Amino acid sequence: MLKFWLIKLAYITLAIIIISVCVNMFLAPHSIAAGGLTGLAIILEEWIGLSRTLVIFIGNAALLVVTLIFLGKEVFINTVIGAVMLPVVIGFVPKFMLINDTMLSMLVGSALFGIAVSILYANRASSGGTAIPPLIFKKYFNMSTSIGLFLSDGIIVILCLLVFDVDAFFYAITSIFITSAVMSYIENGANKKKMVYIISDLYEKIITDVQTKIGRGVTIIPAVGAYEKQEKPMLMVTLDKKNYQQLLTIVNTHDAQAFMITDTVTDVHGKGFTYESGSV
């Protein structure tokens, strides 16, 4: 248990450091307030001189109450870690312009920001702020966290027009799109599965090996060939991409002439695949 929490803490710390670097070195130096409490902090610091650290600390304190009510104790504890850590780390990370070109700085910063938030969500944590509503949307409405973050951050970005110029506003909008796209890829694209259909006379041996060597279930579907009008069993196997080559080896070992159709799927629900209720 201690090892589990130490690993989780390491991931959360890494994500918070990445977010802090994105804000202080990539986004804020170019007045890009790409949503979230960090974006609001950038706006208020420019507008009325409030400290970024103070804005983030006060906002997170209020949203932590919402987290405890709607997301439960585990997410609350993980969020407390991130919410307390973020203003502290942002206060220590140097504030300077790492990349002079605004567009390049926005692209790099937004992509890194998306990676960092995805790391937090994968560990049922957040940095607080507008990273919390997407978790609520995910739990109660099954909305993708990338879409939820885009919606919640959009409200903050509109405030850019009150403080910064139109260019800064559109940079912020673009930044949110990039962050959401990166998160969506990590959330869905990197979690793709393989669905394989197999027709072979030696299907029983294939089933045995798939169940014992890969540990995946197999569905037998009656199939009738249009030419010979003969019914043959067709196997359907859904498995992780990392196990696909092992499946090919099993099939080729028993029947090199087996007919196979492979498809890539991004969303699989059911025993052995479905995530825990309320997870992200």
Protein backbone atom coordinates (compact mmCIF):
# COMPACT_ATOMS: atom_id res chain seq x y z
CA MET A 1 0.00 0.00 0.00
CA LEU A 2 2.83 2.40 0.86
CA LYS A 3 4.53 1.67 -2.47
CA PHE A 4 1.24 2.35 -4.29
CA TRP A 5 0.85 5.78 -2.67
CA LEU A 6 4.50 6.68 -3.23
CA ILE A 7 4.17 5.91 -6.94
CA LYS A 8 0.93 7.88 -7.12
CA LEU A 9 2.56 10.83 -5.33
CA ALA A 10 5.50 10.71 -7.75
CA TYR A 11 3.15 10.93 -10.75
CA ILE A 12 1.14 13.77 -9.21
CA THR A 13 4.34 15.67 -8.38
CA LEU A 14 5.66 15.22 -11.91
CA ALA A 15 2.39 16.50 -13.39
CA ILE A 16 2.33 19.54 -11.10
CA ILE A 17 5.91 20.43 -12.02
CA ILE A 18 5.05 20.19 -15.74
CA ILE A 19 1.98 22.41 -15.28
CA SER A 20 4.03 24.99 -13.35
CA VAL A 21 6.70 25.07 -16.06
CA CYS A 22 4.02 25.45 -18.74
CA VAL A 23 2.47 28.43 -16.95
CA ASN A 24 5.64 30.26 -15.91
CA MET A 25 7.82 29.61 -18.95
CA PHE A 26 5.53 28.97 -21.93
CA LEU A 27 2.09 30.56 -21.47
CA ALA A 28 2.21 33.46 -18.99
CA PRO A 29 5.26 35.17 -20.56
CA HIS A 30 3.20 35.54 -23.75
CA SER A 31 -0.03 36.54 -21.92
CA ILE A 32 -1.75 33.29 -22.92
CA ALA A 33 -4.43 32.60 -20.29
CA ALA A 34 -5.52 29.18 -21.51
CA GLY A 35 -8.29 28.54 -19.02
CA GLY A 36 -8.24 27.08 -15.55
CA LEU A 37 -7.28 28.77 -12.31
CA THR A 38 -3.81 29.25 -13.75
CA GLY A 39 -5.34 31.16 -16.66
CA LEU A 40 -7.51 33.19 -14.29
CA ALA A 41 -4.43 33.90 -12.17
CA ILE A 42 -2.58 35.20 -15.24
CA ILE A 43 -5.53 37.49 -16.06
CA LEU A 44 -5.93 38.85 -12.52
CA GLU A 45 -2.20 39.36 -12.11
CA GLU A 46 -2.13 41.47 -15.26
CA TRP A 47 -5.42 43.22 -14.50
CA ILE A 48 -5.23 44.11 -10.80
CA GLY A 49 -1.83 42.82 -9.71
CA LEU A 50 -2.98 39.82 -7.65
CA SER A 51 -0.35 37.13 -7.11
CA ARG A 52 -0.79 33.99 -9.22
CA THR A 53 -0.09 31.88 -6.16
CA LEU A 54 -2.79 33.63 -4.09
CA VAL A 55 -5.48 33.30 -6.76
CA ILE A 56 -4.77 29.60 -7.25
CA PHE A 57 -4.71 28.92 -3.50
CA ILE A 58 -8.06 30.66 -2.79
CA GLY A 59 -9.79 29.14 -5.83
CA ASN A 60 -8.61 25.65 -5.01
CA ALA A 61 -9.77 25.94 -1.41
CA ALA A 62 -13.33 26.61 -2.59
CA LEU A 63 -13.31 23.87 -5.22
CA LEU A 64 -11.96 21.27 -2.82
CA VAL A 65 -15.28 21.41 -0.99
CA VAL A 66 -17.04 20.64 -4.28
CA THR A 67 -14.65 17.72 -4.87
CA LEU A 68 -15.42 16.12 -1.51
CA ILE A 69 -19.17 16.40 -2.08
CA PHE A 70 -19.35 15.11 -5.65
CA LEU A 71 -16.25 12.96 -6.20
CA GLY A 72 -15.64 11.23 -2.90
CA LYS A 73 -12.82 10.83 -0.43
CA GLU A 74 -10.13 9.26 -2.67
CA VAL A 75 -10.32 11.91 -5.38
CA PHE A 76 -10.56 14.59 -2.68
CA ILE A 77 -7.32 13.41 -1.05
CA ASN A 78 -5.52 13.22 -4.39
CA THR A 79 -6.84 16.66 -5.34
CA VAL A 80 -5.72 18.15 -2.02
CA ILE A 81 -2.20 17.00 -2.82
CA GLY A 82 -2.27 18.61 -6.27
CA ALA A 83 -4.16 21.71 -5.20
CA VAL A 84 -1.75 22.48 -2.36
CA MET A 85 1.31 21.56 -4.37
CA LEU A 86 0.48 23.66 -7.48
CA PRO A 87 0.63 27.18 -5.96
CA VAL A 88 3.77 26.23 -4.02
CA VAL A 89 5.57 24.83 -7.07
CA ILE A 90 4.43 27.74 -9.28
CA GLY A 91 5.91 30.07 -6.66
CA PHE A 92 9.29 28.32 -6.90
CA VAL A 93 9.50 27.70 -10.65
CA PRO A 94 11.34 30.62 -12.35
CA LYS A 95 9.20 33.02 -14.39
CA PHE A 96 10.85 33.72 -17.72
CA MET A 97 10.24 33.37 -21.46
CA LEU A 98 11.81 30.09 -22.55
CA ILE A 99 10.74 30.41 -26.21
CA ASN A 100 10.52 33.85 -27.83
CA ASP A 101 8.14 32.85 -30.61
CA THR A 102 4.58 33.10 -29.28
CA MET A 103 3.09 30.45 -31.53
CA LEU A 104 5.78 27.87 -30.81
CA SER A 105 5.65 28.60 -27.09
CA MET A 106 1.88 28.16 -27.12
CA LEU A 107 2.09 24.86 -29.03
CA VAL A 108 4.72 23.33 -26.75
CA GLY A 109 3.17 24.64 -23.54
CA SER A 110 -0.34 23.47 -24.45
CA ALA A 111 0.81 19.98 -25.43
CA LEU A 112 2.78 19.58 -22.21
CA PHE A 113 -0.18 20.92 -20.24
CA GLY A 114 -2.44 18.26 -21.78
CA ILE A 115 0.04 15.51 -20.91
CA ALA A 116 0.29 16.76 -17.32
CA VAL A 117 -3.48 16.91 -16.78
CA SER A 118 -3.86 13.42 -18.31
CA ILE A 119 -1.29 12.09 -15.83
CA LEU A 120 -3.33 13.58 -12.99
CA TYR A 121 -6.62 12.18 -14.28
CA ALA A 122 -5.06 8.74 -14.77
CA ASN A 123 -4.20 8.80 -11.06
CA ARG A 124 -7.69 9.98 -10.05
CA ALA A 125 -6.24 13.34 -9.08
CA SER A 126 -6.24 16.92 -10.31
CA SER A 127 -4.49 20.20 -9.75
CA GLY A 128 -7.77 21.70 -8.56
CA GLY A 129 -9.44 24.63 -10.30
CA THR A 130 -11.29 23.93 -13.53
CA ALA A 131 -9.70 20.48 -13.67
CA ILE A 132 -12.35 19.43 -11.15
CA PRO A 133 -15.57 19.98 -13.19
CA PRO A 134 -14.45 17.53 -15.94
CA LEU A 135 -14.14 14.80 -13.29
CA ILE A 136 -17.69 15.54 -12.17
CA PHE A 137 -18.95 15.52 -15.78
CA LYS A 138 -17.16 12.21 -16.34
CA LYS A 139 -18.64 10.58 -13.24
CA TYR A 140 -22.25 11.74 -13.60
CA PHE A 141 -22.67 12.27 -17.37
CA ASN A 142 -19.92 10.00 -18.80
CA MET A 143 -18.51 13.01 -20.67
CA SER A 144 -14.94 12.78 -21.91
CA THR A 145 -12.57 14.64 -19.60
CA SER A 146 -10.98 16.39 -22.60
CA ILE A 147 -14.37 17.83 -23.64
CA GLY A 148 -15.25 18.71 -20.05
CA LEU A 149 -11.98 20.59 -19.61
CA PHE A 150 -12.55 22.43 -22.89
CA LEU A 151 -15.99 23.63 -21.75
CA SER A 152 -14.92 24.70 -18.26
CA ASP A 153 -11.80 26.47 -19.52
CA GLY A 154 -13.72 28.26 -22.26
CA ILE A 155 -15.39 30.49 -19.68
CA ILE A 156 -12.01 31.67 -18.36
CA VAL A 157 -10.68 32.32 -21.85
CA ILE A 158 -13.52 34.73 -22.61
CA LEU A 159 -12.18 36.95 -19.82
CA CYS A 160 -9.02 37.41 -21.88
CA LEU A 161 -10.89 39.97 -23.96
CA LEU A 162 -11.27 42.16 -20.88
CA VAL A 163 -7.54 42.34 -20.20
CA PHE A 164 -5.52 41.29 -23.23
CA ASP A 165 -5.81 41.96 -26.94
CA VAL A 166 -7.66 39.86 -29.52
CA ASP A 167 -4.47 37.99 -30.46
CA ALA A 168 -4.06 36.77 -26.88
CA PHE A 169 -7.70 35.62 -26.89
CA PHE A 170 -7.27 33.49 -30.00
CA TYR A 171 -3.96 32.12 -28.74
CA ALA A 172 -5.79 31.03 -25.59
CA ILE A 173 -8.60 29.40 -27.60
CA THR A 174 -6.06 27.55 -29.75
CA SER A 175 -4.20 26.48 -26.63
CA ILE A 176 -7.33 24.88 -25.22
CA PHE A 177 -7.94 23.02 -28.49
CA ILE A 178 -4.40 21.64 -28.42
CA THR A 179 -4.61 20.64 -24.76
CA SER A 180 -7.95 18.90 -25.37
CA ALA A 181 -6.62 17.12 -28.46
CA VAL A 182 -3.59 15.80 -26.59
CA MET A 183 -5.77 14.64 -23.69
CA SER A 184 -8.23 12.99 -26.07
CA TYR A 185 -5.43 11.08 -27.78
CA ILE A 186 -3.99 9.91 -24.46
CA GLU A 187 -7.45 9.03 -23.13
CA ASN A 188 -8.71 7.22 -26.23
CA GLY A 189 -6.05 6.82 -28.90
CA ALA A 190 -3.46 5.36 -26.58
CA ASN A 191 -6.00 2.94 -25.12
CA LYS A 192 -7.10 1.21 -28.32
CA LYS A 193 -7.88 -2.49 -28.39
CA LYS A 194 -7.76 -5.10 -31.11
CA MET A 195 -10.88 -7.02 -32.08
CA VAL A 196 -10.06 -10.14 -34.09
CA TYR A 197 -12.36 -12.53 -35.98
CA ILE A 198 -10.91 -15.98 -36.70
CA ILE A 199 -12.26 -18.82 -38.86
CA SER A 200 -10.37 -22.10 -38.53
CA ASP A 201 -11.13 -25.81 -38.39
CA LEU A 202 -8.77 -26.02 -35.40
CA TYR A 203 -10.69 -23.42 -33.43
CA GLU A 204 -10.82 -25.51 -30.22
CA LYS A 205 -7.01 -25.53 -29.89
CA ILE A 206 -6.88 -21.80 -30.62
CA ILE A 207 -9.50 -21.14 -27.93
CA THR A 208 -7.54 -23.13 -25.37
CA ASP A 209 -4.31 -21.24 -26.02
CA VAL A 210 -5.98 -17.82 -26.04
CA GLN A 211 -7.61 -18.53 -22.69
CA THR A 212 -4.52 -20.02 -21.02
CA LYS A 213 -1.65 -18.04 -22.59
CA ILE A 214 -3.25 -14.61 -23.09
CA GLY A 215 -5.95 -14.84 -20.44
CA ARG A 216 -8.72 -13.52 -22.67
CA GLY A 217 -12.18 -14.91 -23.30
CA VAL A 218 -13.32 -16.04 -26.72
CA THR A 219 -16.79 -15.75 -28.26
CA ILE A 220 -17.96 -18.39 -30.74
CA ILE A 221 -20.21 -16.98 -33.48
CA PRO A 222 -21.98 -19.30 -35.97
CA ALA A 223 -21.02 -18.22 -39.50
CA VAL A 224 -22.23 -19.51 -42.88
CA GLY A 225 -20.08 -19.16 -46.02
CA ALA A 226 -22.02 -17.72 -48.96
CA TYR A 227 -20.32 -20.00 -51.47
CA GLU A 228 -20.35 -23.42 -49.80
CA LYS A 229 -23.38 -22.73 -47.58
CA GLN A 230 -21.64 -24.54 -44.74
CA GLU A 231 -21.74 -23.33 -41.18
CA LYS A 232 -18.43 -22.82 -39.45
CA PRO A 233 -17.66 -21.42 -36.01
CA MET A 234 -16.11 -17.94 -36.08
CA LEU A 235 -14.11 -16.81 -33.06
CA MET A 236 -14.18 -13.24 -31.77
CA VAL A 237 -11.37 -12.10 -29.48
CA THR A 238 -10.90 -8.62 -27.99
CA LEU A 239 -7.50 -7.92 -26.49
CA ASP A 240 -4.87 -5.28 -25.79
CA LYS A 241 -2.56 -4.25 -28.63
CA LYS A 242 0.42 -5.64 -26.73
CA ASN A 243 -1.11 -9.15 -26.91
CA TYR A 244 -1.96 -9.03 -30.61
CA GLN A 245 1.33 -10.47 -31.84
CA GLN A 246 0.97 -13.31 -29.34
CA LEU A 247 -2.47 -14.09 -30.77
CA LEU A 248 -1.06 -14.18 -34.30
CA THR A 249 1.59 -16.64 -33.16
CA ILE A 250 -1.03 -18.88 -31.54
CA VAL A 251 -3.23 -18.94 -34.65
CA ASN A 252 -0.33 -19.51 -37.06
CA THR A 253 1.02 -22.30 -34.88
CA HIS A 254 -2.23 -24.27 -35.11
CA ASP A 255 -3.50 -23.20 -38.54
CA ALA A 256 -1.38 -21.14 -40.91
CA GLN A 257 -4.32 -21.05 -43.35
CA ALA A 258 -6.78 -19.59 -40.83
CA PHE A 259 -8.87 -16.66 -42.03
CA MET A 260 -8.53 -13.59 -39.79
CA ILE A 261 -10.05 -10.12 -39.74
CA THR A 262 -8.61 -7.53 -37.37
CA ASP A 263 -10.12 -4.20 -36.38
CA THR A 264 -9.01 -1.47 -33.97
CA VAL A 265 -11.53 -0.28 -31.38
CA THR A 266 -11.25 2.63 -28.96
CA ASP A 267 -13.96 1.84 -26.44
CA VAL A 268 -14.57 -1.57 -24.84
CA HIS A 269 -16.94 -2.16 -21.93
CA GLY A 270 -17.59 -5.33 -19.99
CA LYS A 271 -15.85 -7.85 -17.79
CA GLY A 272 -12.09 -7.50 -18.04
CA PHE A 273 -12.20 -4.11 -19.75
CA THR A 274 -14.63 -1.70 -18.09
CA TYR A 275 -13.05 0.86 -15.80
CA GLU A 276 -14.12 1.17 -12.21
CA SER A 277 -17.20 3.29 -11.59
CA GLY A 278 -16.29 6.92 -11.23
CA SER A 279 -12.73 6.52 -12.48
CA VAL A 280 -11.20 8.69 -15.15
